[in-house]
């Protein structure tokens, strides 16, 4: 039986980060709430850098440029295929 991907609300993520910042250990949060350490670490990092938990808000300029270039490349490939 495959594991179902769990989703967490922004409010829940904020609460977890707040608990961590108020002195609760990372290990205690992971165990008590059934989180993965990597997810909690990512939330903490996102809260400290941009204050947003949206992946779109946390991309670097290079990542945004790469995404735009990939979209343009795909569009150009489709145009070439149409012209063939």
PDB file of N, CA and C in Angstrom:
ATOM      1  N   UNK A   1       0.844  -1.172   0.000  1.00  0.00           N
ATOM      2  CA  UNK A   1       0.000   0.000   0.000  1.00  0.00           C
ATOM      3  C   UNK A   1       0.899   1.247   0.000  1.00  0.00           C
ATOM      4  N   UNK A   2       0.783   2.088  -1.025  1.00  0.00           N
ATOM      5  CA  UNK A   2       1.646   3.273  -1.099  1.00  0.00           C
ATOM      6  C   UNK A   2       1.264   4.323  -0.062  1.00  0.00           C
ATOM      7  N   UNK A   3       2.265   5.060   0.383  1.00  0.00           N
ATOM      8  CA  UNK A   3       2.006   6.148   1.331  1.00  0.00           C
ATOM      9  C   UNK A   3       1.317   7.290   0.616  1.00  0.00           C
ATOM     10  N   UNK A   4       0.303   7.859   1.269  1.00  0.00           N
ATOM     11  CA  UNK A   4      -0.360   9.023   0.695  1.00  0.00           C
ATOM     12  C   UNK A   4       0.408  10.265   1.099  1.00  0.00           C
ATOM     13  N   UNK A   5       0.538  11.171   0.172  1.00  0.00           N
ATOM     14  CA  UNK A   5       1.226  12.429   0.445  1.00  0.00           C
ATOM     15  C   UNK A   5       0.326  13.305   1.307  1.00  0.00           C
ATOM     16  N   UNK A   6       0.879  13.746   2.415  1.00  0.00           N
ATOM     17  CA  UNK A   6       0.116  14.604   3.313  1.00  0.00           C
ATOM     18  C   UNK A   6       0.378  16.059   2.954  1.00  0.00           C
ATOM     19  N   UNK A   7      -0.636  16.863   3.119  1.00  0.00           N
ATOM     20  CA  UNK A   7      -0.474  18.298   2.890  1.00  0.00           C
ATOM     21  C   UNK A   7      -0.767  19.021   4.196  1.00  0.00           C
ATOM     22  N   UNK A   8      -0.074  20.120   4.387  1.00  0.00           N
ATOM     23  CA  UNK A   8      -0.220  20.897   5.608  1.00  0.00           C
ATOM     24  C   UNK A   8      -0.588  22.324   5.246  1.00  0.00           C
ATOM     25  N   UNK A   9      -1.426  22.917   6.056  1.00  0.00           N
ATOM     26  CA  UNK A   9      -1.838  24.292   5.808  1.00  0.00           C
ATOM     27  C   UNK A   9      -0.699  25.242   6.171  1.00  0.00           C
ATOM     28  N   UNK A  10      -0.776  26.415   5.629  1.00  0.00           N
ATOM     29  CA  UNK A  10       0.211  27.446   5.937  1.00  0.00           C
ATOM     30  C   UNK A  10       0.184  27.775   7.422  1.00  0.00           C
ATOM     31  N   UNK A  11      -0.994  27.786   7.999  1.00  0.00           N
ATOM     32  CA  UNK A  11      -1.122  28.080   9.432  1.00  0.00           C
ATOM     33  C   UNK A  11      -0.402  27.025  10.272  1.00  0.00           C
ATOM     34  N   UNK A  12      -0.554  25.758   9.899  1.00  0.00           N
ATOM     35  CA  UNK A  12       0.116  24.679  10.624  1.00  0.00           C
ATOM     36  C   UNK A  12       1.633  24.830  10.524  1.00  0.00           C
ATOM     37  N   UNK A  13       2.118  25.141   9.330  1.00  0.00           N
ATOM     38  CA  UNK A  13       3.555  25.328   9.136  1.00  0.00           C
ATOM     39  C   UNK A  13       4.076  26.484   9.987  1.00  0.00           C
ATOM     40  N   UNK A  14       3.319  27.569  10.037  1.00  0.00           N
ATOM     41  CA  UNK A  14       3.707  28.715  10.860  1.00  0.00           C
ATOM     42  C   UNK A  14       3.771  28.321  12.333  1.00  0.00           C
ATOM     43  N   UNK A  15       2.803  27.544  12.773  1.00  0.00           N
ATOM     44  CA  UNK A  15       2.788  27.100  14.166  1.00  0.00           C
ATOM     45  C   UNK A  15       4.002  26.239  14.483  1.00  0.00           C
ATOM     46  N   UNK A  16       4.376  25.346  13.580  1.00  0.00           N
ATOM     47  CA  UNK A  16       5.541  24.482  13.799  1.00  0.00           C
ATOM     48  C   UNK A  16       6.822  25.315  13.872  1.00  0.00           C
ATOM     49  N   UNK A  17       6.960  26.283  12.984  1.00  0.00           N
ATOM     50  CA  UNK A  17       8.134  27.160  12.990  1.00  0.00           C
ATOM     51  C   UNK A  17       8.160  27.977  14.275  1.00  0.00           C
ATOM     52  N   UNK A  18       7.002  28.458  14.693  1.00  0.00           N
ATOM     53  CA  UNK A  18       6.924  29.249  15.924  1.00  0.00           C
ATOM     54  C   UNK A  18       7.320  28.414  17.135  1.00  0.00           C
ATOM     55  N   UNK A  19       6.841  27.168  17.189  1.00  0.00           N
ATOM     56  CA  UNK A  19       7.222  26.279  18.291  1.00  0.00           C
ATOM     57  C   UNK A  19       8.729  26.051  18.310  1.00  0.00           C
ATOM     58  N   UNK A  20       9.301  25.855  17.122  1.00  0.00           N
ATOM     59  CA  UNK A  20      10.748  25.647  17.017  1.00  0.00           C
ATOM     60  C   UNK A  20      11.500  26.889  17.498  1.00  0.00           C
ATOM     61  N   UNK A  21      11.051  28.052  17.075  1.00  0.00           N
ATOM     62  CA  UNK A  21      11.720  29.296  17.454  1.00  0.00           C
ATOM     63  C   UNK A  21      11.564  29.596  18.942  1.00  0.00           C
ATOM     64  N   UNK A  22      10.511  29.063  19.555  1.00  0.00           N
ATOM     65  CA  UNK A  22      10.292  29.267  20.985  1.00  0.00           C
ATOM     66  C   UNK A  22      11.026  28.245  21.848  1.00  0.00           C
ATOM     67  N   UNK A  23      11.832  27.392  21.228  1.00  0.00           N
ATOM     68  CA  UNK A  23      12.688  26.508  21.994  1.00  0.00           C
ATOM     69  C   UNK A  23      12.360  25.036  21.953  1.00  0.00           C
ATOM     70  N   UNK A  24      11.296  24.638  21.309  1.00  0.00           N
ATOM     71  CA  UNK A  24      10.988  23.216  21.215  1.00  0.00           C
ATOM     72  C   UNK A  24      11.975  22.584  20.243  1.00  0.00           C
ATOM     73  N   UNK A  25      12.496  21.431  20.589  1.00  0.00           N
ATOM     74  CA  UNK A  25      13.525  20.808  19.738  1.00  0.00           C
ATOM     75  C   UNK A  25      12.916  20.267  18.460  1.00  0.00           C
ATOM     76  N   UNK A  26      13.776  20.205  17.474  1.00  0.00           N
ATOM     77  CA  UNK A  26      13.377  19.681  16.170  1.00  0.00           C
ATOM     78  C   UNK A  26      12.903  18.238  16.307  1.00  0.00           C
ATOM     79  N   UNK A  27      13.661  17.432  17.051  1.00  0.00           N
ATOM     80  CA  UNK A  27      13.315  16.023  17.228  1.00  0.00           C
ATOM     81  C   UNK A  27      11.960  15.859  17.915  1.00  0.00           C
ATOM     82  N   UNK A  28      11.676  16.711  18.897  1.00  0.00           N
ATOM     83  CA  UNK A  28      10.396  16.624  19.608  1.00  0.00           C
ATOM     84  C   UNK A  28       9.231  16.960  18.674  1.00  0.00           C
ATOM     85  N   UNK A  29       9.406  17.972  17.835  1.00  0.00           N
ATOM     86  CA  UNK A  29       8.343  18.338  16.888  1.00  0.00           C
ATOM     87  C   UNK A  29       8.099  17.228  15.879  1.00  0.00           C
ATOM     88  N   UNK A  30       9.182  16.657  15.366  1.00  0.00           N
ATOM     89  CA  UNK A  30       9.064  15.584  14.370  1.00  0.00           C
ATOM     90  C   UNK A  30       8.317  14.395  14.969  1.00  0.00           C
ATOM     91  N   UNK A  31       8.683  14.020  16.179  1.00  0.00           N
ATOM     92  CA  UNK A  31       8.054  12.858  16.814  1.00  0.00           C
ATOM     93  C   UNK A  31       6.607  13.137  17.207  1.00  0.00           C
ATOM     94  N   UNK A  32       6.365  14.286  17.812  1.00  0.00           N
ATOM     95  CA  UNK A  32       5.036  14.593  18.332  1.00  0.00           C
ATOM     96  C   UNK A  32       3.995  14.756  17.229  1.00  0.00           C
ATOM     97  N   UNK A  33       4.389  15.386  16.108  1.00  0.00           N
ATOM     98  CA  UNK A  33       3.427  15.673  15.042  1.00  0.00           C
ATOM     99  C   UNK A  33       3.553  14.746  13.844  1.00  0.00           C
ATOM    100  N   UNK A  34       4.463  13.786  13.903  1.00  0.00           N
ATOM    101  CA  UNK A  34       4.604  12.822  12.810  1.00  0.00           C
ATOM    102  C   UNK A  34       5.106  13.443  11.523  1.00  0.00           C
ATOM    103  N   UNK A  35       5.982  14.424  11.648  1.00  0.00           N
ATOM    104  CA  UNK A  35       6.544  15.097  10.486  1.00  0.00           C
ATOM    105  C   UNK A  35       7.835  14.419  10.061  1.00  0.00           C
ATOM    106  N   UNK A  36       8.312  14.795   8.893  1.00  0.00           N
ATOM    107  CA  UNK A  36       9.659  14.392   8.510  1.00  0.00           C
ATOM    108  C   UNK A  36      10.601  15.543   8.854  1.00  0.00           C
ATOM    109  N   UNK A  37      11.813  15.181   9.210  1.00  0.00           N
ATOM    110  CA  UNK A  37      12.792  16.204   9.588  1.00  0.00           C
ATOM    111  C   UNK A  37      13.074  17.136   8.419  1.00  0.00           C
ATOM    112  N   UNK A  38      13.110  16.598   7.215  1.00  0.00           N
ATOM    113  CA  UNK A  38      13.415  17.428   6.048  1.00  0.00           C
ATOM    114  C   UNK A  38      12.309  18.452   5.791  1.00  0.00           C
ATOM    115  N   UNK A  39      11.056  18.071   6.000  1.00  0.00           N
ATOM    116  CA  UNK A  39       9.951  19.007   5.796  1.00  0.00           C
ATOM    117  C   UNK A  39      10.029  20.142   6.817  1.00  0.00           C
ATOM    118  N   UNK A  40      10.273  19.791   8.071  1.00  0.00           N
ATOM    119  CA  UNK A  40      10.373  20.814   9.109  1.00  0.00           C
ATOM    120  C   UNK A  40      11.551  21.747   8.836  1.00  0.00           C
ATOM    121  N   UNK A  41      12.685  21.187   8.428  1.00  0.00           N
ATOM    122  CA  UNK A  41      13.855  22.013   8.092  1.00  0.00           C
ATOM    123  C   UNK A  41      13.549  22.971   6.950  1.00  0.00           C
ATOM    124  N   UNK A  42      12.827  22.477   5.943  1.00  0.00           N
ATOM    125  CA  UNK A  42      12.466  23.312   4.790  1.00  0.00           C
ATOM    126  C   UNK A  42      11.546  24.454   5.218  1.00  0.00           C
ATOM    127  N   UNK A  43      10.570  24.155   6.078  1.00  0.00           N
ATOM    128  CA  UNK A  43       9.653  25.187   6.555  1.00  0.00           C
ATOM    129  C   UNK A  43      10.397  26.250   7.341  1.00  0.00           C
ATOM    130  N   UNK A  44      11.327  25.827   8.177  1.00  0.00           N
ATOM    131  CA  UNK A  44      12.102  26.778   8.979  1.00  0.00           C
ATOM    132  C   UNK A  44      12.930  27.677   8.072  1.00  0.00           C
ATOM    133  N   UNK A  45      13.574  27.077   7.086  1.00  0.00           N
ATOM    134  CA  UNK A  45      14.396  27.851   6.150  1.00  0.00           C
ATOM    135  C   UNK A  45      13.540  28.838   5.360  1.00  0.00           C
ATOM    136  N   UNK A  46      12.392  28.386   4.873  1.00  0.00           N
ATOM    137  CA  UNK A  46      11.505  29.258   4.107  1.00  0.00           C
ATOM    138  C   UNK A  46      11.000  30.414   4.962  1.00  0.00           C
ATOM    139  N   UNK A  47      10.661  30.141   6.199  1.00  0.00           N
ATOM    140  CA  UNK A  47      10.161  31.187   7.085  1.00  0.00           C
ATOM    141  C   UNK A  47      11.248  32.222   7.372  1.00  0.00           C
ATOM    142  N   UNK A  48      12.481  31.778   7.477  1.00  0.00           N
ATOM    143  CA  UNK A  48      13.578  32.691   7.774  1.00  0.00           C
ATOM    144  C   UNK A  48      14.004  33.505   6.561  1.00  0.00           C
ATOM    145  N   UNK A  49      13.904  32.934   5.360  1.00  0.00           N
ATOM    146  CA  UNK A  49      14.372  33.657   4.176  1.00  0.00           C
ATOM    147  C   UNK A  49      13.316  34.591   3.609  1.00  0.00           C
ATOM    148  N   UNK A  50      12.137  34.075   3.292  1.00  0.00           N
ATOM    149  CA  UNK A  50      11.117  34.911   2.650  1.00  0.00           C
ATOM    150  C   UNK A  50       9.864  35.094   3.487  1.00  0.00           C
ATOM    151  N   UNK A  51       9.674  34.245   4.460  1.00  0.00           N
ATOM    152  CA  UNK A  51       8.457  34.322   5.268  1.00  0.00           C
ATOM    153  C   UNK A  51       7.267  33.675   4.599  1.00  0.00           C
ATOM    154  N   UNK A  52       7.484  33.068   3.435  1.00  0.00           N
ATOM    155  CA  UNK A  52       6.411  32.426   2.682  1.00  0.00           C
ATOM    156  C   UNK A  52       6.719  30.942   2.542  1.00  0.00           C
ATOM    157  N   UNK A  53       5.669  30.127   2.558  1.00  0.00           N
ATOM    158  CA  UNK A  53       5.853  28.693   2.402  1.00  0.00           C
ATOM    159  C   UNK A  53       5.558  28.231   0.980  1.00  0.00           C
ATOM    160  N   UNK A  54       5.271  29.140   0.096  1.00  0.00           N
ATOM    161  CA  UNK A  54       5.012  28.806  -1.297  1.00  0.00           C
ATOM    162  C   UNK A  54       6.336  28.585  -2.020  1.00  0.00           C
ATOM    163  N   UNK A  55       6.433  27.481  -2.739  1.00  0.00           N
ATOM    164  CA  UNK A  55       7.671  27.184  -3.470  1.00  0.00           C
ATOM    165  C   UNK A  55       7.967  28.274  -4.501  1.00  0.00           C
ATOM    166  N   UNK A  56       6.928  28.816  -5.102  1.00  0.00           N
ATOM    167  CA  UNK A  56       7.105  29.860  -6.108  1.00  0.00           C
ATOM    168  C   UNK A  56       7.797  31.091  -5.525  1.00  0.00           C
ATOM    169  N   UNK A  57       7.461  31.430  -4.291  1.00  0.00           N
ATOM    170  CA  UNK A  57       8.057  32.598  -3.643  1.00  0.00           C
ATOM    171  C   UNK A  57       9.496  32.356  -3.196  1.00  0.00           C
ATOM    172  N   UNK A  58       9.884  31.093  -3.080  1.00  0.00           N
ATOM    173  CA  UNK A  58      11.198  30.759  -2.543  1.00  0.00           C
ATOM    174  C   UNK A  58      12.212  30.364  -3.621  1.00  0.00           C
ATOM    175  N   UNK A  59      11.873  30.567  -4.872  1.00  0.00           N
ATOM    176  CA  UNK A  59      12.818  30.251  -5.952  1.00  0.00           C
ATOM    177  C   UNK A  59      13.841  31.362  -6.109  1.00  0.00           C
ATOM    178  N   UNK A  60      15.040  30.957  -6.515  1.00  0.00           N
ATOM    179  CA  UNK A  60      16.069  31.952  -6.795  1.00  0.00           C
ATOM    180  C   UNK A  60      15.827  32.530  -8.188  1.00  0.00           C
ATOM    181  N   UNK A  61      16.514  33.614  -8.499  1.00  0.00           N
ATOM    182  CA  UNK A  61      16.384  34.238  -9.817  1.00  0.00           C
ATOM    183  C   UNK A  61      16.814  33.262 -10.905  1.00  0.00           C
ATOM    184  N   UNK A  62      17.849  32.480 -10.627  1.00  0.00           N
ATOM    185  CA  UNK A  62      18.332  31.510 -11.608  1.00  0.00           C
ATOM    186  C   UNK A  62      17.300  30.423 -11.878  1.00  0.00           C
ATOM    187  N   UNK A  63      16.614  29.972 -10.823  1.00  0.00           N
ATOM    188  CA  UNK A  63      15.587  28.953 -11.000  1.00  0.00           C
ATOM    189  C   UNK A  63      14.418  29.496 -11.816  1.00  0.00           C
ATOM    190  N   UNK A  64      14.018  30.742 -11.562  1.00  0.00           N
ATOM    191  CA  UNK A  64      12.945  31.357 -12.350  1.00  0.00           C
ATOM    192  C   UNK A  64      13.343  31.488 -13.809  1.00  0.00           C
ATOM    193  N   UNK A  65      14.591  31.885 -14.050  1.00  0.00           N
ATOM    194  CA  UNK A  65      15.068  32.020 -15.421  1.00  0.00           C
ATOM    195  C   UNK A  65      15.094  30.661 -16.120  1.00  0.00           C
ATOM    196  N   UNK A  66      15.542  29.629 -15.418  1.00  0.00           N
ATOM    197  CA  UNK A  66      15.586  28.289 -16.000  1.00  0.00           C
ATOM    198  C   UNK A  66      14.187  27.809 -16.385  1.00  0.00           C
ATOM    199  N   UNK A  67      13.219  28.056 -15.537  1.00  0.00           N
ATOM    200  CA  UNK A  67      11.841  27.659 -15.828  1.00  0.00           C
ATOM    201  C   UNK A  67      11.326  28.396 -17.056  1.00  0.00           C
ATOM    202  N   UNK A  68      11.587  29.692 -17.132  1.00  0.00           N
ATOM    203  CA  UNK A  68      11.152  30.485 -18.281  1.00  0.00           C
ATOM    204  C   UNK A  68      11.815  29.989 -19.562  1.00  0.00           C
ATOM    205  N   UNK A  69      13.097  29.689 -19.499  1.00  0.00           N
ATOM    206  CA  UNK A  69      13.812  29.204 -20.680  1.00  0.00           C
ATOM    207  C   UNK A  69      13.303  27.836 -21.123  1.00  0.00           C
ATOM    208  N   UNK A  70      12.978  26.991 -20.188  1.00  0.00           N
ATOM    209  CA  UNK A  70      12.423  25.676 -20.538  1.00  0.00           C
ATOM    210  C   UNK A  70      11.067  25.820 -21.222  1.00  0.00           C
ATOM    211  N   UNK A  71      10.236  26.729 -20.725  1.00  0.00           N
ATOM    212  CA  UNK A  71       8.934  26.967 -21.352  1.00  0.00           C
ATOM    213  C   UNK A  71       9.106  27.490 -22.775  1.00  0.00           C
ATOM    214  N   UNK A  72      10.032  28.445 -22.934  1.00  0.00           N
ATOM    215  CA  UNK A  72      10.283  28.999 -24.260  1.00  0.00           C
ATOM    216  C   UNK A  72      10.825  27.928 -25.200  1.00  0.00           C
ATOM    217  N   UNK A  73      11.716  27.092 -24.716  1.00  0.00           N
ATOM    218  CA  UNK A  73      12.280  26.017 -25.517  1.00  0.00           C
ATOM    219  C   UNK A  73      11.181  25.055 -25.976  1.00  0.00           C
ATOM    220  N   UNK A  74      10.270  24.703 -25.080  1.00  0.00           N
ATOM    221  CA  UNK A  74       9.164  23.818 -25.430  1.00  0.00           C
ATOM    222  C   UNK A  74       8.267  24.450 -26.489  1.00  0.00           C
ATOM    223  N   UNK A  75       7.998  25.745 -26.336  1.00  0.00           N
ATOM    224  CA  UNK A  75       7.160  26.452 -27.313  1.00  0.00           C
ATOM    225  C   UNK A  75       7.831  26.465 -28.677  1.00  0.00           C
ATOM    226  N   UNK A  76       9.124  26.727 -28.714  1.00  0.00           N
ATOM    227  CA  UNK A  76       9.847  26.762 -29.983  1.00  0.00           C
ATOM    228  C   UNK A  76       9.897  25.385 -30.645  1.00  0.00           C
ATOM    229  N   UNK A  77      10.028  24.340 -29.854  1.00  0.00           N
ATOM    230  CA  UNK A  77      10.012  22.977 -30.403  1.00  0.00           C
ATOM    231  C   UNK A  77       8.672  22.682 -31.064  1.00  0.00           C
ATOM    232  N   UNK A  78       7.591  23.121 -30.403  1.00  0.00           N
ATOM    233  CA  UNK A  78       6.262  22.898 -30.984  1.00  0.00           C
ATOM    234  C   UNK A  78       6.102  23.671 -32.278  1.00  0.00           C
ATOM    235  N   UNK A  79       6.633  24.898 -32.342  1.00  0.00           N
ATOM    236  CA  UNK A  79       6.550  25.688 -33.576  1.00  0.00           C
ATOM    237  C   UNK A  79       7.317  25.013 -34.704  1.00  0.00           C
ATOM    238  N   UNK A  80       8.468  24.469 -34.398  1.00  0.00           N
ATOM    239  CA  UNK A  80       9.274  23.788 -35.424  1.00  0.00           C
ATOM    240  C   UNK A  80       8.527  22.553 -35.913  1.00  0.00           C
ATOM    241  N   UNK A  81       7.920  21.798 -35.007  1.00  0.00           N
ATOM    242  CA  UNK A  81       7.166  20.591 -35.400  1.00  0.00           C
ATOM    243  C   UNK A  81       5.986  20.954 -36.283  1.00  0.00           C
ATOM    244  N   UNK A  82       5.333  22.072 -36.002  1.00  0.00           N
ATOM    245  CA  UNK A  82       4.190  22.497 -36.813  1.00  0.00           C
ATOM    246  C   UNK A  82       4.667  22.873 -38.225  1.00  0.00           C
ATOM    247  N   UNK A  83       5.798  23.515 -38.321  1.00  0.00           N
ATOM    248  CA  UNK A  83       6.317  23.948 -39.613  1.00  0.00           C
ATOM    249  C   UNK A  83       6.834  22.783 -40.461  1.00  0.00           C
ATOM    250  N   UNK A  84       7.160  21.679 -39.843  1.00  0.00           N
ATOM    251  CA  UNK A  84       7.647  20.520 -40.602  1.00  0.00           C
ATOM    252  C   UNK A  84       6.554  19.931 -41.381  1.00  0.00           C
TER     253      UNK A  84
END
